[in-house]
Amino acid sequence: MSCVLRIVNCKTSFISGSKIVQKLKWSISDIITATGESRSNVNAAIKCGHIPTFIVGRRRFARPEAVREWVDYLQRESDQGRAVKYQSRDVNARPKSARRQASQ
């Protein structure tokens, strides 16, 4: 008797009979799991248009190919010495009084 160990990322693929099937669309949680990026970075990348997404019902999804293209983009930028940084908020969006206090 032989044992076969299958290691499958349960979030991005599943086992159907004897085949491993890749999901055709990934939720935000799937993207986070597959890339190891934080939720805020993924959401910022979506907002900037770096990860094209679509909505089904009330949930947002992306195609795995789009996520791979985003990771390739991150690597290209890093290889050229330009690490991609997503800001959580725009400093200029603060009220003027807060900006004045910060500059003093």
Foldseek 3Di string as FASTA:
>chain_A
DDDDDDDDDVQQWDDDPNDIGGDQKHFLVSLCVVPVDDSLVSVLCVVVVQFPWDDDPHTIIGGPVSSVSSVVVQVVCVVVVHHDDRDSDDPVPDDPVVVVVVVD
